[in-house]
Full PDB file with SEQRES, HELIX, SHEET, SSBOND, CRYST1, ORIGX, SCALE, CONECT and MASTER records, all heavy atoms in Angstrom:
SEQRES   1 A   41  VAL ASN ASN ILE ILE GLU ASN ILE LYS GLU ILE GLU ASN          
SEQRES   2 A   41  ALA SER ARG LEU ARG CYS THR GLY LEU VAL ASN ASN SER          
SEQRES   3 A   41  ASN LEU GLY ASN GLU THR ASP THR ASP VAL ILE LYS ASN          
SEQRES   4 A   41  THR LEU                                                      
HELIX    1 AA1 ASN A    2  SER A   15  1                                  14    
HELIX    2 AA2 GLY A   29  GLU A   31  5                                   3    
HELIX    3 AA3 THR A   34  LYS A   38  1                                   5    
CRYST1    1.000    1.000    1.000  90.00  90.00  90.00 P 1           1          
ORIGX1      1.000000  0.000000  0.000000        0.00000                         
ORIGX2      0.000000  1.000000  0.000000        0.00000                         
ORIGX3      0.000000  0.000000  1.000000        0.00000                         
SCALE1      1.000000  0.000000  0.000000        0.00000                         
SCALE2      0.000000  1.000000  0.000000        0.00000                         
SCALE3      0.000000  0.000000  1.000000        0.00000                         
ATOM      1  N   VAL A   1      87.194  20.444 -64.324  1.00  0.00           N  
ATOM      2  CA  VAL A   1      88.330  19.675 -64.822  1.00  0.00           C  
ATOM      3  C   VAL A   1      89.615  20.121 -64.125  1.00  0.00           C  
ATOM      4  O   VAL A   1      90.430  19.300 -63.701  1.00  0.00           O  
ATOM      5  CB  VAL A   1      88.458  19.832 -66.350  1.00  0.00           C  
ATOM      6  CG1 VAL A   1      89.772  19.227 -66.830  1.00  0.00           C  
ATOM      7  CG2 VAL A   1      87.286  19.176 -67.060  1.00  0.00           C  
ATOM      8  N   ASN A   2      89.789  21.428 -63.981  1.00  0.00           N  
ATOM      9  CA  ASN A   2      90.990  21.950 -63.317  1.00  0.00           C  
ATOM     10  C   ASN A   2      91.064  21.519 -61.862  1.00  0.00           C  
ATOM     11  O   ASN A   2      92.151  21.252 -61.327  1.00  0.00           O  
ATOM     12  CB  ASN A   2      91.042  23.473 -63.416  1.00  0.00           C  
ATOM     13  CG  ASN A   2      91.346  23.946 -64.822  1.00  0.00           C  
ATOM     14  OD1 ASN A   2      91.980  23.233 -65.601  1.00  0.00           O  
ATOM     15  ND2 ASN A   2      90.900  25.149 -65.162  1.00  0.00           N  
ATOM     16  N   ASN A   3      89.916  21.438 -61.191  1.00  0.00           N  
ATOM     17  CA  ASN A   3      89.880  20.962 -59.809  1.00  0.00           C  
ATOM     18  C   ASN A   3      90.367  19.517 -59.732  1.00  0.00           C  
ATOM     19  O   ASN A   3      91.099  19.144 -58.801  1.00  0.00           O  
ATOM     20  CB  ASN A   3      88.473  21.047 -59.230  1.00  0.00           C  
ATOM     21  CG  ASN A   3      88.022  22.463 -58.955  1.00  0.00           C  
ATOM     22  OD1 ASN A   3      86.832  22.782 -59.050  1.00  0.00           O  
ATOM     23  ND2 ASN A   3      88.956  23.341 -58.612  1.00  0.00           N  
ATOM     24  N   ILE A   4      89.945  18.715 -60.692  1.00  0.00           N  
ATOM     25  CA  ILE A   4      90.337  17.308 -60.695  1.00  0.00           C  
ATOM     26  C   ILE A   4      91.834  17.163 -60.961  1.00  0.00           C  
ATOM     27  O   ILE A   4      92.518  16.348 -60.320  1.00  0.00           O  
ATOM     28  CB  ILE A   4      89.520  16.509 -61.729  1.00  0.00           C  
ATOM     29  CG1 ILE A   4      88.092  16.311 -61.198  1.00  0.00           C  
ATOM     30  CG2 ILE A   4      90.166  15.166 -62.041  1.00  0.00           C  
ATOM     31  CD1 ILE A   4      87.207  15.458 -62.065  1.00  0.00           C  
ATOM     32  N   ILE A   5      92.358  17.955 -61.896  1.00  0.00           N  
ATOM     33  CA  ILE A   5      93.791  17.916 -62.167  1.00  0.00           C  
ATOM     34  C   ILE A   5      94.576  18.258 -60.897  1.00  0.00           C  
ATOM     35  O   ILE A   5      95.576  17.606 -60.560  1.00  0.00           O  
ATOM     36  CB  ILE A   5      94.169  18.898 -63.294  1.00  0.00           C  
ATOM     37  CG1 ILE A   5      93.434  18.547 -64.590  1.00  0.00           C  
ATOM     38  CG2 ILE A   5      95.676  18.891 -63.514  1.00  0.00           C  
ATOM     39  CD1 ILE A   5      93.675  17.148 -65.091  1.00  0.00           C  
ATOM     40  N   GLU A   6      94.112  19.268 -60.172  1.00  0.00           N  
ATOM     41  CA  GLU A   6      94.765  19.656 -58.930  1.00  0.00           C  
ATOM     42  C   GLU A   6      94.641  18.550 -57.887  1.00  0.00           C  
ATOM     43  O   GLU A   6      95.590  18.271 -57.138  1.00  0.00           O  
ATOM     44  CB  GLU A   6      94.151  20.944 -58.394  1.00  0.00           C  
ATOM     45  CG  GLU A   6      94.815  21.494 -57.145  1.00  0.00           C  
ATOM     46  CD  GLU A   6      96.276  21.858 -57.363  1.00  0.00           C  
ATOM     47  OE1 GLU A   6      96.637  22.228 -58.499  1.00  0.00           O  
ATOM     48  OE2 GLU A   6      97.061  21.772 -56.387  1.00  0.00           O  
ATOM     49  N   ASN A   7      93.468  17.915 -57.837  1.00  0.00           N  
ATOM     50  CA  ASN A   7      93.248  16.826 -56.887  1.00  0.00           C  
ATOM     51  C   ASN A   7      94.171  15.646 -57.163  1.00  0.00           C  
ATOM     52  O   ASN A   7      94.698  15.020 -56.234  1.00  0.00           O  
ATOM     53  CB  ASN A   7      91.785  16.387 -56.959  1.00  0.00           C  
ATOM     54  CG  ASN A   7      91.388  15.442 -55.852  1.00  0.00           C  
ATOM     55  OD1 ASN A   7      90.715  14.444 -56.087  1.00  0.00           O  
ATOM     56  ND2 ASN A   7      91.775  15.734 -54.622  1.00  0.00           N  
ATOM     57  N   ILE A   8      94.395  15.348 -58.427  1.00  0.00           N  
ATOM     58  CA  ILE A   8      95.316  14.272 -58.795  1.00  0.00           C  
ATOM     59  C   ILE A   8      96.716  14.575 -58.268  1.00  0.00           C  
ATOM     60  O   ILE A   8      97.387  13.704 -57.693  1.00  0.00           O  
ATOM     61  CB  ILE A   8      95.343  14.080 -60.332  1.00  0.00           C  
ATOM     62  CG1 ILE A   8      94.018  13.491 -60.818  1.00  0.00           C  
ATOM     63  CG2 ILE A   8      96.509  13.172 -60.743  1.00  0.00           C  
ATOM     64  CD1 ILE A   8      93.888  13.414 -62.325  1.00  0.00           C  
ATOM     65  N   LYS A   9      97.153  15.816 -58.435  1.00  0.00           N  
ATOM     66  CA  LYS A   9      98.482  16.215 -57.956  1.00  0.00           C  
ATOM     67  C   LYS A   9      98.574  16.096 -56.436  1.00  0.00           C  
ATOM     68  O   LYS A   9      99.592  15.638 -55.889  1.00  0.00           O  
ATOM     69  CB  LYS A   9      98.780  17.649 -58.382  1.00  0.00           C  
ATOM     70  CG  LYS A   9      98.938  17.825 -59.890  1.00  0.00           C  
ATOM     71  CD  LYS A   9      99.176  19.285 -60.237  1.00  0.00           C  
ATOM     72  CE  LYS A   9      99.306  19.481 -61.743  1.00  0.00           C  
ATOM     73  NZ  LYS A   9      99.483  20.914 -62.104  1.00  0.00           N  
ATOM     74  N   GLU A  10      97.502  16.496 -55.737  1.00  0.00           N  
ATOM     75  CA  GLU A  10      97.493  16.401 -54.279  1.00  0.00           C  
ATOM     76  C   GLU A  10      97.591  14.948 -53.816  1.00  0.00           C  
ATOM     77  O   GLU A  10      98.313  14.632 -52.861  1.00  0.00           O  
ATOM     78  CB  GLU A  10      96.225  17.048 -53.729  1.00  0.00           C  
ATOM     79  CG  GLU A  10      96.168  18.559 -53.911  1.00  0.00           C  
ATOM     80  CD  GLU A  10      94.819  19.143 -53.559  1.00  0.00           C  
ATOM     81  OE1 GLU A  10      93.864  18.362 -53.333  1.00  0.00           O  
ATOM     82  OE2 GLU A  10      94.710  20.377 -53.506  1.00  0.00           O  
ATOM     83  N   ILE A  11      96.869  14.077 -54.493  1.00  0.00           N  
ATOM     84  CA  ILE A  11      96.894  12.657 -54.141  1.00  0.00           C  
ATOM     85  C   ILE A  11      98.271  12.065 -54.413  1.00  0.00           C  
ATOM     86  O   ILE A  11      98.804  11.278 -53.611  1.00  0.00           O  
ATOM     87  CB  ILE A  11      95.798  11.900 -54.920  1.00  0.00           C  
ATOM     88  CG1 ILE A  11      94.426  12.248 -54.336  1.00  0.00           C  
ATOM     89  CG2 ILE A  11      96.030  10.393 -54.888  1.00  0.00           C  
ATOM     90  CD1 ILE A  11      93.268  11.707 -55.135  1.00  0.00           C  
ATOM     91  N   GLU A  12      98.868  12.435 -55.529  1.00  0.00           N  
ATOM     92  CA  GLU A  12     100.202  11.936 -55.852  1.00  0.00           C  
ATOM     93  C   GLU A  12     101.225  12.390 -54.814  1.00  0.00           C  
ATOM     94  O   GLU A  12     102.078  11.607 -54.391  1.00  0.00           O  
ATOM     95  CB  GLU A  12     100.609  12.407 -57.244  1.00  0.00           C  
ATOM     96  CG  GLU A  12      99.840  11.740 -58.374  1.00  0.00           C  
ATOM     97  CD  GLU A  12     100.270  12.209 -59.744  1.00  0.00           C  
ATOM     98  OE1 GLU A  12     100.768  13.366 -59.846  1.00  0.00           O  
ATOM     99  OE2 GLU A  12     100.110  11.460 -60.708  1.00  0.00           O  
ATOM    100  N   ASN A  13     101.126  13.634 -54.396  1.00  0.00           N  
ATOM    101  CA  ASN A  13     102.057  14.149 -53.388  1.00  0.00           C  
ATOM    102  C   ASN A  13     101.861  13.448 -52.049  1.00  0.00           C  
ATOM    103  O   ASN A  13     102.830  13.123 -51.350  1.00  0.00           O  
ATOM    104  CB  ASN A  13     101.872  15.661 -53.222  1.00  0.00           C  
ATOM    105  CG  ASN A  13     102.390  16.446 -54.410  1.00  0.00           C  
ATOM    106  OD1 ASN A  13     103.262  15.990 -55.139  1.00  0.00           O  
ATOM    107  ND2 ASN A  13     101.837  17.633 -54.622  1.00  0.00           N  
ATOM    108  N   ALA A  14     100.602  13.228 -51.682  1.00  0.00           N  
ATOM    109  CA  ALA A  14     100.312  12.598 -50.393  1.00  0.00           C  
ATOM    110  C   ALA A  14     100.733  11.129 -50.364  1.00  0.00           C  
ATOM    111  O   ALA A  14     101.234  10.628 -49.358  1.00  0.00           O  
ATOM    112  CB  ALA A  14      98.823  12.725 -50.075  1.00  0.00           C  
ATOM    113  N   SER A  15     100.535  10.440 -51.477  1.00  0.00           N  
ATOM    114  CA  SER A  15     100.809   8.996 -51.533  1.00  0.00           C  
ATOM    115  C   SER A  15     102.238   8.664 -51.935  1.00  0.00           C  
ATOM    116  O   SER A  15     102.701   7.542 -51.751  1.00  0.00           O  
ATOM    117  CB  SER A  15      99.864   8.331 -52.537  1.00  0.00           C  
ATOM    118  OG  SER A  15     100.124   8.789 -53.848  1.00  0.00           O  
ATOM    119  N   ARG A  16     102.914   9.657 -52.522  1.00  0.00           N  
ATOM    120  CA  ARG A  16     104.257   9.457 -53.077  1.00  0.00           C  
ATOM    121  C   ARG A  16     104.245   8.441 -54.215  1.00  0.00           C  
ATOM    122  O   ARG A  16     105.217   7.734 -54.483  1.00  0.00           O  
ATOM    123  CB  ARG A  16     105.256   9.034 -51.990  1.00  0.00           C  
ATOM    124  CG  ARG A  16     105.544  10.141 -50.992  1.00  0.00           C  
ATOM    125  CD  ARG A  16     106.697   9.761 -50.078  1.00  0.00           C  
ATOM    126  NE  ARG A  16     106.271   8.851 -49.035  1.00  0.00           N  
ATOM    127  CZ  ARG A  16     107.104   8.152 -48.265  1.00  0.00           C  
ATOM    128  NH1 ARG A  16     108.416   8.256 -48.443  1.00  0.00           N  
ATOM    129  NH2 ARG A  16     106.646   7.368 -47.318  1.00  0.00           N  
ATOM    130  N   LEU A  17     103.104   8.375 -54.901  1.00  0.00           N  
ATOM    131  CA  LEU A  17     102.935   7.523 -56.070  1.00  0.00           C  
ATOM    132  C   LEU A  17     102.421   8.378 -57.225  1.00  0.00           C  
ATOM    133  O   LEU A  17     101.875   9.454 -57.006  1.00  0.00           O  
ATOM    134  CB  LEU A  17     101.934   6.395 -55.793  1.00  0.00           C  
ATOM    135  CG  LEU A  17     102.298   5.364 -54.733  1.00  0.00           C  
ATOM    136  CD1 LEU A  17     101.113   4.445 -54.477  1.00  0.00           C  
ATOM    137  CD2 LEU A  17     103.513   4.556 -55.170  1.00  0.00           C  
ATOM    138  N   ARG A  18     102.556   7.874 -58.433  1.00  0.00           N  
ATOM    139  CA  ARG A  18     102.044   8.565 -59.603  1.00  0.00           C  
ATOM    140  C   ARG A  18     100.842   7.823 -60.155  1.00  0.00           C  
ATOM    141  O   ARG A  18     100.864   6.602 -60.286  1.00  0.00           O  
ATOM    142  CB  ARG A  18     103.129   8.667 -60.682  1.00  0.00           C  
ATOM    143  CG  ARG A  18     104.255   9.622 -60.316  1.00  0.00           C  
ATOM    144  CD  ARG A  18     103.763  11.074 -60.350  1.00  0.00           C  
ATOM    145  NE  ARG A  18     104.787  12.009 -59.882  1.00  0.00           N  
ATOM    146  CZ  ARG A  18     104.838  12.515 -58.661  1.00  0.00           C  
ATOM    147  NH1 ARG A  18     103.939  12.132 -57.757  1.00  0.00           N  
ATOM    148  NH2 ARG A  18     105.769  13.363 -58.315  1.00  0.00           N  
ATOM    149  N   CYS A  19      99.783   8.575 -60.458  1.00  0.00           N  
ATOM    150  CA  CYS A  19      98.620   7.968 -61.098  1.00  0.00           C  
ATOM    151  C   CYS A  19      99.023   7.476 -62.490  1.00  0.00           C  
ATOM    152  O   CYS A  19      99.835   8.113 -63.173  1.00  0.00           O  
ATOM    153  CB  CYS A  19      97.480   8.970 -61.225  1.00  0.00           C  
ATOM    154  SG  CYS A  19      96.680   9.392 -59.658  1.00  0.00           S  
ATOM    155  N   THR A  20      98.462   6.350 -62.891  1.00  0.00           N  
ATOM    156  CA  THR A  20      98.774   5.779 -64.203  1.00  0.00           C  
ATOM    157  C   THR A  20      97.574   5.773 -65.129  1.00  0.00           C  
ATOM    158  O   THR A  20      97.720   5.513 -66.328  1.00  0.00           O  
ATOM    159  CB  THR A  20      99.294   4.342 -64.061  1.00  0.00           C  
ATOM    160  OG1 THR A  20      98.310   3.549 -63.389  1.00  0.00           O  
ATOM    161  CG2 THR A  20     100.597   4.310 -63.269  1.00  0.00           C  
ATOM    162  N   GLY A  21      96.385   6.041 -64.591  1.00  0.00           N  
ATOM    163  CA  GLY A  21      95.201   6.014 -65.439  1.00  0.00           C  
ATOM    164  C   GLY A  21      93.983   6.562 -64.735  1.00  0.00           C  
ATOM    165  O   GLY A  21      93.986   6.805 -63.522  1.00  0.00           O  
ATOM    166  N   LEU A  22      92.935   6.760 -65.524  1.00  0.00           N  
ATOM    167  CA  LEU A  22      91.671   7.302 -65.035  1.00  0.00           C  
ATOM    168  C   LEU A  22      90.561   6.272 -65.197  1.00  0.00           C  
ATOM    169  O   LEU A  22      90.601   5.429 -66.102  1.00  0.00           O  
ATOM    170  CB  LEU A  22      91.290   8.553 -65.829  1.00  0.00           C  
ATOM    171  CG  LEU A  22      92.309   9.689 -65.895  1.00  0.00           C  
ATOM    172  CD1 LEU A  22      91.880  10.716 -66.946  1.00  0.00           C  
ATOM    173  CD2 LEU A  22      92.457  10.354 -64.529  1.00  0.00           C  
ATOM    174  N   VAL A  23      89.580   6.348 -64.310  1.00  0.00           N  
ATOM    175  CA  VAL A  23      88.369   5.535 -64.422  1.00  0.00           C  
ATOM    176  C   VAL A  23      87.169   6.470 -64.398  1.00  0.00           C  
ATOM    177  O   VAL A  23      86.958   7.187 -63.417  1.00  0.00           O  
ATOM    178  CB  VAL A  23      88.250   4.511 -63.277  1.00  0.00           C  
ATOM    179  CG1 VAL A  23      86.931   3.744 -63.399  1.00  0.00           C  
ATOM    180  CG2 VAL A  23      89.426   3.553 -63.280  1.00  0.00           C  
ATOM    181  N   ASN A  24      86.405   6.468 -65.470  1.00  0.00           N  
ATOM    182  CA  ASN A  24      85.178   7.258 -65.524  1.00  0.00           C  
ATOM    183  C   ASN A  24      84.058   6.425 -64.912  1.00  0.00           C  
ATOM    184  O   ASN A  24      83.504   5.531 -65.558  1.00  0.00           O  
ATOM    185  CB  ASN A  24      84.846   7.626 -66.970  1.00  0.00           C  
ATOM    186  CG  ASN A  24      83.607   8.504 -67.071  1.00  0.00           C  
ATOM    187  OD1 ASN A  24      82.994   8.866 -66.057  1.00  0.00           O  
ATOM    188  ND2 ASN A  24      83.226   8.857 -68.288  1.00  0.00           N  
ATOM    189  N   ASN A  25      83.757   6.693 -63.658  1.00  0.00           N  
ATOM    190  CA  ASN A  25      82.706   5.964 -62.949  1.00  0.00           C  
ATOM    191  C   ASN A  25      81.484   6.850 -62.752  1.00  0.00           C  
ATOM    192  O   ASN A  25      80.758   6.739 -61.765  1.00  0.00           O  
ATOM    193  CB  ASN A  25      83.240   5.489 -61.587  1.00  0.00           C  
ATOM    194  CG  ASN A  25      82.325   4.475 -60.927  1.00  0.00           C  
ATOM    195  OD1 ASN A  25      81.750   3.621 -61.598  1.00  0.00           O  
ATOM    196  ND2 ASN A  25      82.176   4.567 -59.616  1.00  0.00           N  
ATOM    197  N   SER A  26      81.251   7.725 -63.701  1.00  0.00           N  
ATOM    198  CA  SER A  26      80.125   8.660 -63.604  1.00  0.00           C  
ATOM    199  C   SER A  26      78.799   7.925 -63.686  1.00  0.00           C  
ATOM    200  O   SER A  26      78.565   7.138 -64.610  1.00  0.00           O  
ATOM    201  CB  SER A  26      80.211   9.699 -64.724  1.00  0.00           C  
ATOM    202  OG  SER A  26      81.400  10.455 -64.611  1.00  0.00           O  
ATOM    203  N   ASN A  27      77.936   8.178 -62.705  1.00  0.00           N  
ATOM    204  CA  ASN A  27      76.639   7.506 -62.673  1.00  0.00           C  
ATOM    205  C   ASN A  27      75.681   8.254 -61.760  1.00  0.00           C  
ATOM    206  O   ASN A  27      76.102   9.093 -60.959  1.00  0.00           O  
ATOM    207  CB  ASN A  27      76.798   6.060 -62.207  1.00  0.00           C  
ATOM    208  CG  ASN A  27      77.203   5.964 -60.750  1.00  0.00           C  
ATOM    209  OD1 ASN A  27      76.359   5.977 -59.849  1.00  0.00           O  
ATOM    210  ND2 ASN A  27      78.514   5.879 -60.493  1.00  0.00           N  
ATOM    211  N   LEU A  28      74.418   7.932 -61.897  1.00  0.00           N  
ATOM    212  CA  LEU A  28      73.373   8.470 -61.026  1.00  0.00           C  
ATOM    213  C   LEU A  28      72.675   7.328 -60.295  1.00  0.00           C  
ATOM    214  O   LEU A  28      71.456   7.331 -60.125  1.00  0.00           O  
ATOM    215  CB  LEU A  28      72.360   9.278 -61.848  1.00  0.00           C  
ATOM    216  CG  LEU A  28      72.862  10.595 -62.446  1.00  0.00           C  
ATOM    217  CD1 LEU A  28      71.816  11.199 -63.387  1.00  0.00           C  
ATOM    218  CD2 LEU A  28      73.202  11.587 -61.339  1.00  0.00           C  
ATOM    219  N   GLY A  29      73.449   6.348 -59.892  1.00  0.00           N  
ATOM    220  CA  GLY A  29      72.868   5.213 -59.186  1.00  0.00           C  
ATOM    221  C   GLY A  29      71.886   4.450 -60.050  1.00  0.00           C  
ATOM    222  O   GLY A  29      72.155   4.173 -61.226  1.00  0.00           O  
ATOM    223  N   ASN A  30      70.740   4.124 -59.493  1.00  0.00           N  
ATOM    224  CA  ASN A  30      69.735   3.350 -60.210  1.00  0.00           C  
ATOM    225  C   ASN A  30      69.090   4.114 -61.359  1.00  0.00           C  
ATOM    226  O   ASN A  30      68.385   3.523 -62.183  1.00  0.00           O  
ATOM    227  CB  ASN A  30      68.635   2.886 -59.243  1.00  0.00           C  
ATOM    228  CG  ASN A  30      69.144   1.863 -58.239  1.00  0.00           C  
ATOM    229  OD1 ASN A  30      70.021   1.059 -58.561  1.00  0.00           O  
ATOM    230  ND2 ASN A  30      68.621   1.899 -57.022  1.00  0.00           N  
ATOM    231  N   GLU A  31      69.327   5.416 -61.427  1.00  0.00           N  
ATOM    232  CA  GLU A  31      68.765   6.223 -62.503  1.00  0.00           C  
ATOM    233  C   GLU A  31      69.699   6.317 -63.714  1.00  0.00           C  
ATOM    234  O   GLU A  31      69.390   6.986 -64.698  1.00  0.00           O  
ATOM    235  CB  GLU A  31      68.454   7.640 -61.994  1.00  0.00           C  
ATOM    236  CG  GLU A  31      67.425   7.662 -60.870  1.00  0.00           C  
ATOM    237  CD  GLU A  31      67.145   9.073 -60.384  1.00  0.00           C  
ATOM    238  OE1 GLU A  31      67.605  10.024 -61.041  1.00  0.00           O  
ATOM    239  OE2 GLU A  31      66.477   9.209 -59.352  1.00  0.00           O  
ATOM    240  N   THR A  32      70.825   5.642 -63.635  1.00  0.00           N  
ATOM    241  CA  THR A  32      71.814   5.707 -64.706  1.00  0.00           C  
ATOM    242  C   THR A  32      71.351   4.932 -65.935  1.00  0.00           C  
ATOM    243  O   THR A  32      70.876   3.806 -65.835  1.00  0.00           O  
ATOM    244  CB  THR A  32      73.157   5.123 -64.235  1.00  0.00           C  
ATOM    245  OG1 THR A  32      73.566   5.786 -63.046  1.00  0.00           O  
ATOM    246  CG2 THR A  32      74.221   5.278 -65.309  1.00  0.00           C  
ATOM    247  N   ASP A  33      71.475   5.563 -67.101  1.00  0.00           N  
ATOM    248  CA  ASP A  33      71.255   4.867 -68.360  1.00  0.00           C  
ATOM    249  C   ASP A  33      72.406   5.201 -69.297  1.00  0.00           C  
ATOM    250  O   ASP A  33      73.348   5.900 -68.932  1.00  0.00           O  
ATOM    251  CB  ASP A  33      69.893   5.225 -68.988  1.00  0.00           C  
ATOM    252  CG  ASP A  33      69.732   6.717 -69.258  1.00  0.00           C  
ATOM    253  OD1 ASP A  33      70.760   7.426 -69.369  1.00  0.00           O  
ATOM    254  OD2 ASP A  33      68.590   7.185 -69.381  1.00  0.00           O  
ATOM    255  N   THR A  34      72.340   4.689 -70.518  1.00  0.00           N  
ATOM    256  CA  THR A  34      73.443   4.870 -71.461  1.00  0.00           C  
ATOM    257  C   THR A  34      73.739   6.339 -71.714  1.00  0.00           C  
ATOM    258  O   THR A  34      74.900   6.767 -71.752  1.00  0.00           O  
ATOM    259  CB  THR A  34      73.126   4.167 -72.791  1.00  0.00           C  
ATOM    260  OG1 THR A  34      72.917   2.769 -72.541  1.00  0.00           O  
ATOM    261  CG2 THR A  34      74.279   4.320 -73.774  1.00  0.00           C  
ATOM    262  N   ASP A  35      72.686   7.152 -71.874  1.00  0.00           N  
ATOM    263  CA  ASP A  35      72.884   8.574 -72.160  1.00  0.00           C  
ATOM    264  C   ASP A  35      73.552   9.300 -71.003  1.00  0.00           C  
ATOM    265  O   ASP A  35      74.360  10.215 -71.203  1.00  0.00           O  
ATOM    266  CB  ASP A  35      71.547   9.244 -72.489  1.00  0.00           C  
ATOM    267  CG  ASP A  35      71.008   8.839 -73.854  1.00  0.00           C  
ATOM    268  OD1 ASP A  35      71.825   8.417 -74.702  1.00  0.00           O  
ATOM    269  OD2 ASP A  35      69.783   8.948 -74.069  1.00  0.00           O  
ATOM    270  N   VAL A  36      73.212   8.915 -69.775  1.00  0.00           N  
ATOM    271  CA  VAL A  36      73.812   9.538 -68.594  1.00  0.00           C  
ATOM    272  C   VAL A  36      75.333   9.399 -68.637  1.00  0.00           C  
ATOM    273  O   VAL A  36      76.072  10.326 -68.305  1.00  0.00           O  
ATOM    274  CB  VAL A  36      73.248   8.901 -67.300  1.00  0.00           C  
ATOM    275  CG1 VAL A  36      74.117   9.234 -66.097  1.00  0.00           C  
ATOM    276  CG2 VAL A  36      71.829   9.392 -67.053  1.00  0.00           C  
ATOM    277  N   ILE A  37      75.804   8.232 -69.071  1.00  0.00           N  
ATOM    278  CA  ILE A  37      77.245   8.004 -69.134  1.00  0.00           C  
ATOM    279  C   ILE A  37      77.851   8.652 -70.380  1.00  0.00           C  
ATOM    280  O   ILE A  37      78.914   9.279 -70.311  1.00  0.00           O  
ATOM    281  CB  ILE A  37      77.542   6.492 -69.115  1.00  0.00           C  
ATOM    282  CG1 ILE A  37      76.969   5.856 -67.846  1.00  0.00           C  
ATOM    283  CG2 ILE A  37      79.053   6.242 -69.190  1.00  0.00           C  
ATOM    284  CD1 ILE A  37      77.087   4.357 -67.800  1.00  0.00           C  
ATOM    285  N   LYS A  38      77.169   8.537 -71.502  1.00  0.00           N  
ATOM    286  CA  LYS A  38      77.700   9.124 -72.738  1.00  0.00           C  
ATOM    287  C   LYS A  38      77.922  10.629 -72.590  1.00  0.00           C  
ATOM    288  O   LYS A  38      78.860  11.189 -73.174  1.00  0.00           O  
ATOM    289  CB  LYS A  38      76.746   8.850 -73.903  1.00  0.00           C  
ATOM    290  CG  LYS A  38      76.861   7.446 -74.469  1.00  0.00           C  
ATOM    291  CD  LYS A  38      75.980   7.284 -75.701  1.00  0.00           C  
ATOM    292  CE  LYS A  38      76.188   5.926 -76.353  1.00  0.00           C  
ATOM    293  NZ  LYS A  38      75.345   5.755 -77.553  1.00  0.00           N  
ATOM    294  N   ASN A  39      77.076  11.275 -71.819  1.00  0.00           N  
ATOM    295  CA  ASN A  39      77.198  12.723 -71.627  1.00  0.00           C  
ATOM    296  C   ASN A  39      78.468  13.124 -70.892  1.00  0.00           C  
ATOM    297  O   ASN A  39      78.809  14.312 -70.836  1.00  0.00           O  
ATOM    298  CB  ASN A  39      75.976  13.262 -70.872  1.00  0.00           C  
ATOM    299  CG  ASN A  39      74.714  13.239 -71.718  1.00  0.00           C  
ATOM    300  OD1 ASN A  39      74.781  13.214 -72.947  1.00  0.00           O  
ATOM    301  ND2 ASN A  39      73.563  13.233 -71.054  1.00  0.00           N  
ATOM    302  N   THR A  40      79.161  12.155 -70.305  1.00  0.00           N  
ATOM    303  CA  THR A  40      80.381  12.472 -69.538  1.00  0.00           C  
ATOM    304  C   THR A  40      81.664  12.141 -70.305  1.00  0.00           C  
ATOM    305  O   THR A  40      82.753  12.414 -69.809  1.00  0.00           O  
ATOM    306  CB  THR A  40      80.404  11.688 -68.205  1.00  0.00           C  
ATOM    307  OG1 THR A  40      80.601  10.292 -68.469  1.00  0.00           O  
ATOM    308  CG2 THR A  40      79.109  11.886 -67.439  1.00  0.00           C  
ATOM    309  N   LEU A  41      81.545  11.570 -71.491  1.00  0.00           N  
ATOM    310  CA  LEU A  41      82.736  11.127 -72.210  1.00  0.00           C  
ATOM    311  C   LEU A  41      83.631  12.288 -72.616  1.00  0.00           C  
ATOM    312  O   LEU A  41      84.860  12.191 -72.576  1.00  0.00           O  
ATOM    313  CB  LEU A  41      82.335  10.297 -73.437  1.00  0.00           C  
ATOM    314  CG  LEU A  41      81.588   8.987 -73.141  1.00  0.00           C  
ATOM    315  CD1 LEU A  41      81.307   8.235 -74.441  1.00  0.00           C  
ATOM    316  CD2 LEU A  41      82.377   8.116 -72.179  1.00  0.00           C  
TER     317      LEU A  41                                                      
MASTER        0    0    0    3    0    0    0    6  316    1    0    4          
END                                                                             
């Protein structure tokens, strides 16, 4: 989680824009099911 927070800051600095939201696109491709996603909430 801390790595991601740092990554967000790096992207904001590089782009000179501020992030406004997150998208949880966690998946395992064709092996993804409901539980796979629920485990990331």
